C-alpha atoms as a PDB file:
ATOM      1  CA  MET A   1     230.967   2.129  40.455  1.00  0.00           C
ATOM      2  CA  GLN A   2     228.976   4.841  42.216  1.00  0.00           C
ATOM      3  CA  LYS A   3     226.963   4.038  45.247  1.00  0.00           C
ATOM      4  CA  ASN A   4     223.306   3.466  44.612  1.00  0.00           C
ATOM      5  CA  SER A   5     223.845   3.415  40.886  1.00  0.00           C
ATOM      6  CA  ALA A   6     221.230   1.987  38.675  1.00  0.00           C
ATOM      7  CA  ALA A   7     223.751  -0.350  36.964  1.00  0.00           C
ATOM      8  CA  GLY A   8     224.959  -1.558  40.399  1.00  0.00           C
ATOM      9  CA  ARG A   9     221.408  -2.251  41.537  1.00  0.00           C
ATOM     10  CA  ASN A  10     220.637  -4.085  38.339  1.00  0.00           C
ATOM     11  CA  ASN A  11     223.716  -6.190  38.597  1.00  0.00           C
ATOM     12  CA  LEU A  12     223.097  -7.041  42.218  1.00  0.00           C
ATOM     13  CA  GLY A  13     219.571  -7.936  41.308  1.00  0.00           C
ATOM     14  CA  TYR A  14     220.770 -10.330  38.620  1.00  0.00           C
ATOM     15  CA  MET A  15     223.007 -11.973  41.217  1.00  0.00           C
ATOM     16  CA  TYR A  16     220.131 -12.374  43.606  1.00  0.00           C
ATOM     17  CA  LEU A  17     217.858 -13.681  40.802  1.00  0.00           C
ATOM     18  CA  HIS A  18     220.378 -16.370  39.843  1.00  0.00           C
ATOM     19  CA  GLY A  19     222.052 -16.991  43.243  1.00  0.00           C
ATOM     20  CA  GLN A  20     225.458 -15.951  42.078  1.00  0.00           C
ATOM     21  CA  GLY A  21     227.629 -15.268  45.149  1.00  0.00           C
ATOM     22  CA  VAL A  22     224.512 -14.783  47.333  1.00  0.00           C
ATOM     23  CA  LYS A  23     221.598 -16.840  48.299  1.00  0.00           C
ATOM     24  CA  ARG A  24     218.937 -16.833  45.663  1.00  0.00           C
ATOM     25  CA  ASP A  25     216.253 -14.289  46.590  1.00  0.00           C
ATOM     26  CA  ILE A  26     213.843 -13.304  43.932  1.00  0.00           C
ATOM     27  CA  ALA A  27     212.010 -10.842  46.117  1.00  0.00           C
ATOM     28  CA  GLN A  28     215.307  -8.968  46.667  1.00  0.00           C
ATOM     29  CA  ALA A  29     215.990  -9.141  42.867  1.00  0.00           C
ATOM     30  CA  LEU A  30     212.542  -7.637  42.194  1.00  0.00           C
ATOM     31  CA  ALA A  31     213.217  -4.806  44.590  1.00  0.00           C
ATOM     32  CA  LEU A  32     216.549  -4.011  43.094  1.00  0.00           C
ATOM     33  CA  PHE A  33     215.298  -4.177  39.477  1.00  0.00           C
ATOM     34  CA  THR A  34     212.452  -1.924  40.427  1.00  0.00           C
ATOM     35  CA  LYS A  35     214.785   0.760  41.927  1.00  0.00           C
ATOM     36  CA  ALA A  36     217.080   0.572  38.975  1.00  0.00           C
ATOM     37  CA  ALA A  37     214.191   0.733  36.544  1.00  0.00           C
ATOM     38  CA  ALA A  38     212.902   3.826  38.290  1.00  0.00           C
ATOM     39  CA  GLN A  39     216.330   5.367  37.666  1.00  0.00           C
ATOM     40  CA  GLY A  40     215.768   4.799  33.956  1.00  0.00           C
ATOM     41  CA  LEU A  41     218.022   1.908  33.279  1.00  0.00           C
ATOM     42  CA  PRO A  42     216.784   0.000  30.214  1.00  0.00           C
ATOM     43  CA  ASP A  43     218.409  -3.321  31.262  1.00  0.00           C
ATOM     44  CA  ALA A  44     216.678  -3.171  34.585  1.00  0.00           C
ATOM     45  CA  GLN A  45     213.383  -2.258  32.905  1.00  0.00           C
ATOM     46  CA  HIS A  46     213.823  -5.307  30.694  1.00  0.00           C
ATOM     47  CA  ASN A  47     214.669  -7.539  33.670  1.00  0.00           C
ATOM     48  CA  LEU A  48     211.616  -6.276  35.598  1.00  0.00           C
ATOM     49  CA  GLY A  49     209.360  -6.995  32.578  1.00  0.00           C
ATOM     50  CA  GLU A  50     210.768 -10.521  32.513  1.00  0.00           C
ATOM     51  CA  LEU A  51     209.800 -11.036  36.135  1.00  0.00           C
ATOM     52  CA  TYR A  52     206.292  -9.705  35.652  1.00  0.00           C
ATOM     53  CA  PHE A  53     205.907 -11.748  32.472  1.00  0.00           C
ATOM     54  CA  ALA A  54     206.924 -14.916  34.128  1.00  0.00           C
ATOM     55  CA  GLY A  55     205.333 -14.174  37.466  1.00  0.00           C
ATOM     56  CA  GLN A  56     208.620 -14.662  39.302  1.00  0.00           C
ATOM     57  CA  GLY A  57     208.591 -13.059  42.762  1.00  0.00           C
ATOM     58  CA  THR A  58     205.377 -11.330  41.925  1.00  0.00           C
ATOM     59  CA  PRO A  59     202.003 -12.266  40.545  1.00  0.00           C
ATOM     60  CA  ARG A  60     201.978 -12.590  36.715  1.00  0.00           C
ATOM     61  CA  ASP A  61     201.055  -9.302  35.155  1.00  0.00           C
ATOM     62  CA  TYR A  62     201.266  -8.918  31.466  1.00  0.00           C
ATOM     63  CA  ARG A  63     200.269  -5.270  31.548  1.00  0.00           C
ATOM     64  CA  LYS A  64     203.207  -4.344  33.813  1.00  0.00           C
ATOM     65  CA  ALA A  65     205.503  -6.566  31.804  1.00  0.00           C
ATOM     66  CA  MET A  66     204.510  -4.746  28.552  1.00  0.00           C
ATOM     67  CA  HIS A  67     204.971  -1.377  30.305  1.00  0.00           C
ATOM     68  CA  TYR A  68     208.486  -2.204  31.310  1.00  0.00           C
ATOM     69  CA  PHE A  69     209.428  -3.822  28.012  1.00  0.00           C
ATOM     70  CA  SER A  70     208.132  -0.728  26.291  1.00  0.00           C
ATOM     71  CA  LEU A  71     210.183   1.586  28.502  1.00  0.00           C
ATOM     72  CA  ALA A  72     213.369  -0.494  27.800  1.00  0.00           C
ATOM     73  CA  ALA A  73     212.674  -0.473  24.075  1.00  0.00           C
ATOM     74  CA  GLN A  74     212.368   3.259  23.870  1.00  0.00           C
ATOM     75  CA  VAL A  75     216.074   3.621  24.001  1.00  0.00           C
ATOM     76  CA  MET A  76     216.399   1.655  20.794  1.00  0.00           C
ATOM     77  CA  ILE A  77     214.143   3.912  18.829  1.00  0.00           C
END
């Protein structure tokens, strides 16, 4: 996998979110999902939407959640 790849950041974010192989750190997961989402990765956009929707690692923000869910859904259209 390429260094600084969106997929790598998303996968690492998932590991931090769930504490798989690393200490659970939702703030780190949020940061990694944000970077990967900015690179245009739909999975990361969806994961970021989930965090905003649930208010995990960030204040609950339905507007931001919908924004990221919409970005992720655009690849399916």
